[in-house]
Amino acid sequence: MLLGINIVYCVGAFAPYNVVPIIGIVLTTVQFVMFPFMPESPYYFICKNKKESARKSLVKLRSSDANIDKEIAEIEKAVERQQSEKGRPQDLILIKSNRIALLIMLILNGAQHFVGISVMLMNLQIILEEAGSVYIEPAIATVIFAFIMLVSATIASVIIDQFGRKFLLVLSSGLTGIALGVMTAYFHLKYLEYDVLFVSWIPAACVMVYAATFKIGLGLVPIVVTSEIFPTSIKAIGMTLADLVYVL
């Protein structure tokens, strides 16, 4: 997704509108052609009692020094537990721990959108043009924005286990809020017809800070946490509902 955003921002800012869909078609076609060569999930093979096929799939997915037998045994235990604990949709509401997990999921998925990421991604160049900055071209700024998001997401994926989900989420929420607050103050002053030309670099700086701070926590942690807080028996239903909430 982030790679796609980078390509769209880099190309879309300088090329005709028809170029971006063509690039999207090419990337989708490449995925369509390459995906059949991807090994099947070992979990699927274990569910179907095809242990040898699961082993071959793991060999393709792991490095040569991986402990295949140990991982096969762990997958077998996980699948056995899943099959013995069949979850029902109503368990999301009837069981207290699932209700708490559902509430956490709703808040985190809502937070991703209520900090304006969709608005920012779709209107970034317009926002910067309205800011009237004379320090950087909006088209260049959008490219930098996408690149910062890519770097930030990469860093977050490395440090998330070291610093913890809560710390990154709190840090991201606070810094993202500050960036949006400063940007709001700038546009409010501009709307009141104050002379803000000498600080017209502020919106561009704020969106760069926003890109870094959003993706290091709010853009990544909700996805990770949602996959962890639901028990095995209800995980598939919980993850599906999380995707539905995110799309809505």
Protein backbone atom coordinates (compact mmCIF):
# COMPACT_ATOMS: atom_id res chain seq x y z
CA MET A 1 0.00 0.00 0.00
CA LEU A 2 2.71 2.49 0.99
CA LEU A 3 4.71 1.64 -2.12
CA GLY A 4 1.61 2.32 -4.19
CA ILE A 5 1.10 5.68 -2.45
CA ASN A 6 4.71 6.63 -3.17
CA ILE A 7 4.35 5.75 -6.84
CA VAL A 8 1.06 7.66 -7.19
CA TYR A 9 2.45 10.74 -5.45
CA CYS A 10 5.72 10.71 -7.37
CA VAL A 11 4.17 10.14 -10.78
CA GLY A 12 0.76 11.75 -10.33
CA ALA A 13 2.20 15.13 -9.41
CA PHE A 14 4.08 15.48 -12.69
CA ALA A 15 2.33 13.25 -15.24
CA PRO A 16 -1.09 13.32 -16.97
CA TYR A 17 -4.01 11.70 -15.14
CA ASN A 18 -4.07 8.64 -17.39
CA VAL A 19 -0.52 7.62 -16.43
CA VAL A 20 -1.37 6.69 -12.82
CA PRO A 21 -4.17 4.21 -13.73
CA ILE A 22 -1.88 2.63 -16.31
CA ILE A 23 0.80 2.11 -13.65
CA GLY A 24 -1.86 0.63 -11.35
CA ILE A 25 -2.97 -1.77 -14.06
CA VAL A 26 0.62 -2.87 -14.68
CA LEU A 27 1.30 -3.48 -10.96
CA THR A 28 -1.97 -5.37 -10.55
CA THR A 29 -1.21 -7.49 -13.60
CA VAL A 30 2.24 -8.33 -12.24
CA GLN A 31 0.67 -9.38 -8.94
CA PHE A 32 -1.93 -11.48 -10.77
CA VAL A 33 0.80 -13.27 -12.74
CA MET A 34 3.18 -13.77 -9.81
CA PHE A 35 0.74 -14.67 -7.04
CA PRO A 36 0.02 -18.25 -8.22
CA PHE A 37 3.70 -19.04 -7.55
CA MET A 38 3.34 -18.11 -3.88
CA PRO A 39 3.47 -21.19 -1.57
CA GLU A 40 0.19 -22.18 0.05
CA SER A 41 -0.21 -21.44 3.75
CA PRO A 42 1.20 -24.20 6.03
CA TYR A 43 -1.82 -23.63 8.30
CA TYR A 44 -4.12 -24.56 5.43
CA PHE A 45 -2.24 -27.78 4.75
CA ILE A 46 -2.27 -28.75 8.44
CA CYS A 47 -6.02 -28.12 8.57
CA LYS A 48 -6.36 -30.52 5.63
CA ASN A 49 -4.07 -33.11 7.32
CA LYS A 50 -1.40 -32.66 4.65
CA LYS A 51 1.64 -32.50 6.91
CA GLU A 52 4.21 -33.19 4.20
CA SER A 53 2.79 -30.44 1.99
CA ALA A 54 2.93 -28.08 4.96
CA ARG A 55 6.58 -28.99 5.47
CA LYS A 56 7.42 -28.26 1.81
CA SER A 57 5.59 -24.94 2.01
CA LEU A 58 7.55 -23.94 5.13
CA VAL A 59 10.84 -24.87 3.46
CA LYS A 60 10.03 -22.42 0.67
CA LEU A 61 8.93 -19.69 3.07
CA ARG A 62 11.74 -20.01 5.64
CA SER A 63 15.52 -19.86 5.50
CA SER A 64 17.52 -23.07 5.22
CA ASP A 65 18.51 -23.00 8.91
CA ALA A 66 14.94 -22.67 10.21
CA ASN A 67 13.66 -25.31 12.62
CA ILE A 68 10.90 -26.67 10.40
CA ASP A 69 9.88 -29.57 12.66
CA LYS A 70 9.45 -27.29 15.68
CA GLU A 71 7.32 -24.83 13.71
CA ILE A 72 5.20 -27.64 12.25
CA ALA A 73 4.51 -28.87 15.78
CA GLU A 74 3.53 -25.33 16.88
CA ILE A 75 1.18 -24.95 13.91
CA GLU A 76 -0.41 -28.32 14.66
CA LYS A 77 -1.10 -27.24 18.25
CA ALA A 78 -2.54 -23.92 17.10
CA VAL A 79 -4.80 -25.58 14.52
CA GLU A 80 -5.93 -28.19 17.04
CA ARG A 81 -6.84 -25.45 19.52
CA GLN A 82 -8.70 -23.48 16.85
CA GLN A 83 -10.70 -26.51 15.80
CA SER A 84 -11.62 -27.34 19.40
CA GLU A 85 -12.71 -23.77 20.17
CA LYS A 86 -15.23 -22.92 17.50
CA GLY A 87 -16.28 -19.33 17.94
CA ARG A 88 -19.73 -17.94 17.21
CA PRO A 89 -20.46 -14.39 16.03
CA GLN A 90 -22.60 -13.72 19.10
CA ASP A 91 -19.61 -14.52 21.33
CA LEU A 92 -18.25 -11.07 20.41
CA ILE A 93 -21.06 -9.57 22.50
CA LEU A 94 -21.92 -12.29 25.01
CA ILE A 95 -18.40 -12.74 26.42
CA LYS A 96 -17.05 -9.78 28.41
CA SER A 97 -13.41 -10.12 27.29
CA ASN A 98 -14.52 -10.16 23.66
CA ARG A 99 -16.62 -7.03 24.22
CA ILE A 100 -13.56 -5.25 25.61
CA ALA A 101 -11.49 -6.38 22.61
CA LEU A 102 -14.27 -5.21 20.30
CA LEU A 103 -14.34 -1.78 21.97
CA ILE A 104 -10.55 -1.43 21.69
CA MET A 105 -10.71 -2.40 18.03
CA LEU A 106 -13.47 0.14 17.31
CA ILE A 107 -11.58 2.97 19.03
CA LEU A 108 -8.25 2.21 17.34
CA ASN A 109 -9.74 1.81 13.87
CA GLY A 110 -11.79 4.96 14.36
CA ALA A 111 -8.73 6.86 15.56
CA GLN A 112 -6.91 6.09 12.31
CA HIS A 113 -9.56 7.99 10.35
CA PHE A 114 -10.48 10.70 12.83
CA VAL A 115 -6.94 12.09 12.67
CA GLY A 116 -7.68 12.86 9.03
CA ILE A 117 -5.39 10.45 7.19
CA SER A 118 -7.85 9.91 4.32
CA VAL A 119 -8.37 13.66 3.92
CA MET A 120 -4.62 14.25 4.05
CA LEU A 121 -3.78 11.58 1.48
CA MET A 122 -6.44 12.65 -1.01
CA ASN A 123 -6.08 16.43 -0.66
CA LEU A 124 -2.47 17.01 0.36
CA GLN A 125 -1.49 19.04 -2.68
CA ILE A 126 -4.65 21.18 -2.40
CA ILE A 127 -3.96 21.77 1.32
CA LEU A 128 -0.43 22.97 0.61
CA GLU A 129 -1.58 25.15 -2.27
CA GLU A 130 -4.17 26.78 0.01
CA ALA A 131 -1.43 27.38 2.58
CA GLY A 132 0.28 29.66 0.07
CA SER A 133 3.79 28.46 0.94
CA VAL A 134 6.62 30.02 -1.03
CA TYR A 135 9.27 27.71 0.39
CA ILE A 136 8.41 24.43 -1.34
CA GLU A 137 6.36 23.35 -4.31
CA PRO A 138 3.24 21.35 -3.30
CA ALA A 139 4.06 18.64 -5.84
CA ILE A 140 7.53 18.17 -4.36
CA ALA A 141 6.11 18.21 -0.84
CA THR A 142 3.69 15.37 -1.64
CA VAL A 143 6.56 13.19 -2.86
CA ILE A 144 8.52 13.89 0.35
CA PHE A 145 5.35 13.19 2.39
CA ALA A 146 4.92 9.74 0.86
CA PHE A 147 8.62 8.92 1.28
CA ILE A 148 8.55 9.92 4.97
CA MET A 149 5.53 7.67 5.54
CA LEU A 150 7.38 4.75 3.96
CA VAL A 151 10.47 5.32 6.11
CA SER A 152 8.40 5.80 9.26
CA ALA A 153 6.43 2.60 8.70
CA THR A 154 9.69 0.69 8.17
CA ILE A 155 11.14 2.04 11.41
CA ALA A 156 7.93 1.29 13.31
CA SER A 157 7.92 -2.34 12.17
CA VAL A 158 11.44 -2.72 13.60
CA ILE A 159 10.92 -1.00 16.98
CA ILE A 160 7.31 -1.96 17.78
CA ASP A 161 8.32 -5.03 19.81
CA GLN A 162 11.12 -3.13 21.56
CA PHE A 163 9.10 -0.11 22.73
CA GLY A 164 5.65 -1.68 22.91
CA ARG A 165 2.34 -0.95 21.24
CA LYS A 166 1.00 1.48 23.88
CA PHE A 167 4.09 3.71 23.88
CA LEU A 168 4.12 4.09 20.09
CA LEU A 169 0.37 4.71 20.04
CA VAL A 170 0.50 7.41 22.73
CA LEU A 171 3.57 9.04 21.15
CA SER A 172 2.00 8.98 17.70
CA SER A 173 -1.34 10.34 18.92
CA GLY A 174 0.27 13.22 20.82
CA LEU A 175 2.66 14.33 18.10
CA THR A 176 0.09 13.91 15.33
CA GLY A 177 -2.36 15.99 17.35
CA ILE A 178 0.23 18.75 17.83
CA ALA A 179 0.99 18.81 14.09
CA LEU A 180 -2.70 19.09 13.23
CA GLY A 181 -3.24 21.73 15.92
CA VAL A 182 -0.44 23.95 14.65
CA MET A 183 -1.70 23.57 11.08
CA THR A 184 -5.21 24.48 12.21
CA ALA A 185 -3.93 27.62 13.95
CA TYR A 186 -2.07 28.66 10.78
CA PHE A 187 -5.13 28.30 8.54
CA HIS A 188 -7.33 30.06 11.10
CA LEU A 189 -4.99 33.06 11.16
CA LYS A 190 -4.84 33.02 7.37
CA TYR A 191 -8.63 32.92 7.23
CA LEU A 192 -8.73 35.99 9.53
CA GLU A 193 -6.46 37.69 6.94
CA TYR A 194 -3.37 37.95 9.09
CA ASP A 195 -0.08 38.14 7.19
CA VAL A 196 1.28 34.60 7.50
CA LEU A 197 3.53 34.63 4.44
CA PHE A 198 6.71 34.72 6.54
CA VAL A 199 5.65 31.49 8.30
CA SER A 200 4.10 29.80 5.29
CA TRP A 201 6.60 26.97 5.76
CA ILE A 202 4.60 25.81 8.80
CA PRO A 203 1.92 23.76 6.95
CA ALA A 204 4.57 21.93 4.90
CA ALA A 205 6.56 21.19 8.06
CA CYS A 206 3.41 20.05 9.86
CA VAL A 207 2.39 17.58 7.15
CA MET A 208 5.91 16.09 7.20
CA VAL A 209 5.74 15.69 10.98
CA TYR A 210 2.24 14.27 10.53
CA ALA A 211 3.50 11.73 7.98
CA ALA A 212 6.24 10.51 10.31
CA THR A 213 4.25 10.47 13.54
CA PHE A 214 1.07 8.96 12.10
CA LYS A 215 2.76 6.01 10.47
CA ILE A 216 4.98 5.19 13.44
CA GLY A 217 1.97 4.51 15.66
CA LEU A 218 -1.59 5.24 14.56
CA GLY A 219 -0.95 3.88 11.08
CA LEU A 220 0.49 0.56 12.24
CA VAL A 221 -0.37 -0.26 15.86
CA PRO A 222 -4.16 -0.69 15.39
CA ILE A 223 -3.53 -3.37 12.76
CA VAL A 224 -1.12 -5.24 15.03
CA VAL A 225 -3.25 -4.90 18.17
CA THR A 226 -6.43 -6.02 16.40
CA SER A 227 -4.70 -9.23 15.37
CA GLU A 228 -3.58 -9.86 18.96
CA ILE A 229 -6.47 -8.97 21.28
CA PHE A 230 -9.08 -11.42 19.98
CA PRO A 231 -8.87 -15.04 21.24
CA THR A 232 -8.16 -17.74 18.69
CA SER A 233 -11.76 -18.95 18.61
CA ILE A 234 -13.09 -15.55 17.53
CA LYS A 235 -10.05 -14.05 15.77
CA ALA A 236 -11.30 -14.57 12.19
CA ILE A 237 -14.65 -12.91 12.98
CA GLY A 238 -12.94 -10.08 14.88
CA MET A 239 -10.46 -9.36 12.08
CA THR A 240 -13.23 -9.40 9.48
CA LEU A 241 -15.26 -6.95 11.54
CA ALA A 242 -12.17 -4.76 11.98
CA ASP A 243 -11.74 -4.58 8.19
CA LEU A 244 -15.43 -3.72 7.81
CA VAL A 245 -15.18 -0.92 10.39
CA TYR A 246 -12.03 0.42 8.72
CA VAL A 247 -13.69 0.53 5.29
CA LEU A 248 -16.89 2.12 6.62
